[in-house]
Amino acid sequence: MPRTIKSLTTPVQPGPLDAATLGQFVRARRTQAGLGIHQAAAFCGVAVDTLAKIEKARGDVQLSSVLKVCQMLGLTLKVEPWED
């Protein structure tokens, strides 16, 4: 019997984005889509280990993999200009 995926709420971003908060957003979006980690990794075209590292903010992950996961899960990262 397939495991039921518990949908997580979208986290609140209290300040500048960090790896842990990004991981929470990725995991919340994945669970809201009803995807297990293996399904989501296959859908995004990354290894399960890579997706787990992103969600847990552990280890080194290539930026291209992070961007691919965000794009495939419908997450938008926004870069804003800074003031001098």
C-alpha atoms as a PDB file:
ATOM      1  CA  MET A   1       0.000   0.000   0.000  1.00  0.00           C
ATOM      2  CA  PRO A   2       1.449   3.404  -0.975  1.00  0.00           C
ATOM      3  CA  ARG A   3       2.413   5.681   1.844  1.00  0.00           C
ATOM      4  CA  THR A   4       0.188   8.714   2.420  1.00  0.00           C
ATOM      5  CA  ILE A   5       1.979  12.041   2.032  1.00  0.00           C
ATOM      6  CA  LYS A   6       1.093  14.530   4.767  1.00  0.00           C
ATOM      7  CA  SER A   7       0.823  18.001   3.258  1.00  0.00           C
ATOM      8  CA  LEU A   8       2.936  20.574   5.101  1.00  0.00           C
ATOM      9  CA  THR A   9       1.998  24.221   5.416  1.00  0.00           C
ATOM     10  CA  THR A  10       3.961  26.843   3.542  1.00  0.00           C
ATOM     11  CA  PRO A  11       6.663  28.220   5.847  1.00  0.00           C
ATOM     12  CA  VAL A  12       7.010  31.867   6.771  1.00  0.00           C
ATOM     13  CA  GLN A  13      10.170  33.620   5.664  1.00  0.00           C
ATOM     14  CA  PRO A  14      11.211  35.867   8.559  1.00  0.00           C
ATOM     15  CA  GLY A  15      14.146  37.524   6.796  1.00  0.00           C
ATOM     16  CA  PRO A  16      16.672  36.870   4.051  1.00  0.00           C
ATOM     17  CA  LEU A  17      16.429  33.441   2.469  1.00  0.00           C
ATOM     18  CA  ASP A  18      18.815  30.837   3.833  1.00  0.00           C
ATOM     19  CA  ALA A  19      19.362  27.181   2.945  1.00  0.00           C
ATOM     20  CA  ALA A  20      17.185  25.857   5.787  1.00  0.00           C
ATOM     21  CA  THR A  21      14.223  28.055   4.853  1.00  0.00           C
ATOM     22  CA  LEU A  22      14.566  27.185   1.161  1.00  0.00           C
ATOM     23  CA  GLY A  23      14.569  23.513   2.139  1.00  0.00           C
ATOM     24  CA  GLN A  24      11.353  24.016   4.108  1.00  0.00           C
ATOM     25  CA  PHE A  25       9.726  25.666   1.078  1.00  0.00           C
ATOM     26  CA  VAL A  26      10.804  22.819  -1.210  1.00  0.00           C
ATOM     27  CA  ARG A  27       9.556  20.129   1.181  1.00  0.00           C
ATOM     28  CA  ALA A  28       6.247  21.944   1.773  1.00  0.00           C
ATOM     29  CA  ARG A  29       5.655  22.326  -1.968  1.00  0.00           C
ATOM     30  CA  ARG A  30       6.562  18.691  -2.615  1.00  0.00           C
ATOM     31  CA  THR A  31       4.157  17.417   0.042  1.00  0.00           C
ATOM     32  CA  GLN A  32       1.420  19.811  -1.068  1.00  0.00           C
ATOM     33  CA  ALA A  33       1.748  18.263  -4.534  1.00  0.00           C
ATOM     34  CA  GLY A  34       1.317  14.836  -2.947  1.00  0.00           C
ATOM     35  CA  LEU A  35       4.747  13.658  -4.044  1.00  0.00           C
ATOM     36  CA  GLY A  36       7.055  11.383  -2.099  1.00  0.00           C
ATOM     37  CA  ILE A  37      10.735  12.205  -2.199  1.00  0.00           C
ATOM     38  CA  HIS A  38      11.462   9.474  -4.767  1.00  0.00           C
ATOM     39  CA  GLN A  39       8.646  10.635  -7.051  1.00  0.00           C
ATOM     40  CA  ALA A  40       9.660  14.284  -6.761  1.00  0.00           C
ATOM     41  CA  ALA A  41      13.323  13.550  -7.445  1.00  0.00           C
ATOM     42  CA  ALA A  42      12.399  11.603 -10.586  1.00  0.00           C
ATOM     43  CA  PHE A  43      10.008  14.375 -11.684  1.00  0.00           C
ATOM     44  CA  CYS A  44      12.679  17.043 -11.147  1.00  0.00           C
ATOM     45  CA  GLY A  45      15.444  15.004 -12.776  1.00  0.00           C
ATOM     46  CA  VAL A  46      17.726  14.932  -9.734  1.00  0.00           C
ATOM     47  CA  ALA A  47      18.946  12.187  -7.429  1.00  0.00           C
ATOM     48  CA  VAL A  48      16.968  11.410  -4.283  1.00  0.00           C
ATOM     49  CA  ASP A  49      20.097  12.257  -2.267  1.00  0.00           C
ATOM     50  CA  THR A  50      20.274  15.678  -3.929  1.00  0.00           C
ATOM     51  CA  LEU A  51      16.652  16.475  -3.131  1.00  0.00           C
ATOM     52  CA  ALA A  52      17.124  15.276   0.452  1.00  0.00           C
ATOM     53  CA  LYS A  53      20.189  17.536   0.833  1.00  0.00           C
ATOM     54  CA  ILE A  54      18.193  20.520  -0.446  1.00  0.00           C
ATOM     55  CA  GLU A  55      15.264  19.828   1.893  1.00  0.00           C
ATOM     56  CA  LYS A  56      17.508  19.294   4.924  1.00  0.00           C
ATOM     57  CA  ALA A  57      20.024  22.047   4.023  1.00  0.00           C
ATOM     58  CA  ARG A  58      22.887  19.587   4.430  1.00  0.00           C
ATOM     59  CA  GLY A  59      25.862  18.996   2.198  1.00  0.00           C
ATOM     60  CA  ASP A  60      26.858  20.658  -1.020  1.00  0.00           C
ATOM     61  CA  VAL A  61      24.398  20.860  -3.901  1.00  0.00           C
ATOM     62  CA  GLN A  62      24.992  22.486  -7.261  1.00  0.00           C
ATOM     63  CA  LEU A  63      23.052  25.684  -7.810  1.00  0.00           C
ATOM     64  CA  SER A  64      21.756  24.301 -11.113  1.00  0.00           C
ATOM     65  CA  SER A  65      20.135  21.412  -9.210  1.00  0.00           C
ATOM     66  CA  VAL A  66      18.516  23.768  -6.715  1.00  0.00           C
ATOM     67  CA  LEU A  67      17.153  25.941  -9.514  1.00  0.00           C
ATOM     68  CA  LYS A  68      15.869  22.907 -11.426  1.00  0.00           C
ATOM     69  CA  VAL A  69      14.023  21.593  -8.353  1.00  0.00           C
ATOM     70  CA  CYS A  70      12.490  24.997  -7.651  1.00  0.00           C
ATOM     71  CA  GLN A  71      11.383  25.398 -11.271  1.00  0.00           C
ATOM     72  CA  MET A  72       9.872  21.916 -11.507  1.00  0.00           C
ATOM     73  CA  LEU A  73       7.984  22.321  -8.210  1.00  0.00           C
ATOM     74  CA  GLY A  74       6.717  25.771  -9.182  1.00  0.00           C
ATOM     75  CA  LEU A  75       8.784  27.770  -6.708  1.00  0.00           C
ATOM     76  CA  THR A  76      10.057  31.157  -7.834  1.00  0.00           C
ATOM     77  CA  LEU A  77      13.281  32.610  -6.484  1.00  0.00           C
ATOM     78  CA  LYS A  78      13.509  36.370  -6.801  1.00  0.00           C
ATOM     79  CA  VAL A  79      16.713  38.373  -6.734  1.00  0.00           C
ATOM     80  CA  GLU A  80      16.269  42.004  -5.795  1.00  0.00           C
ATOM     81  CA  PRO A  81      18.835  44.739  -6.359  1.00  0.00           C
ATOM     82  CA  TRP A  82      20.481  46.179  -3.313  1.00  0.00           C
ATOM     83  CA  GLU A  83      21.045  49.802  -2.528  1.00  0.00           C
ATOM     84  CA  ASP A  84      24.513  51.308  -2.172  1.00  0.00           C
END
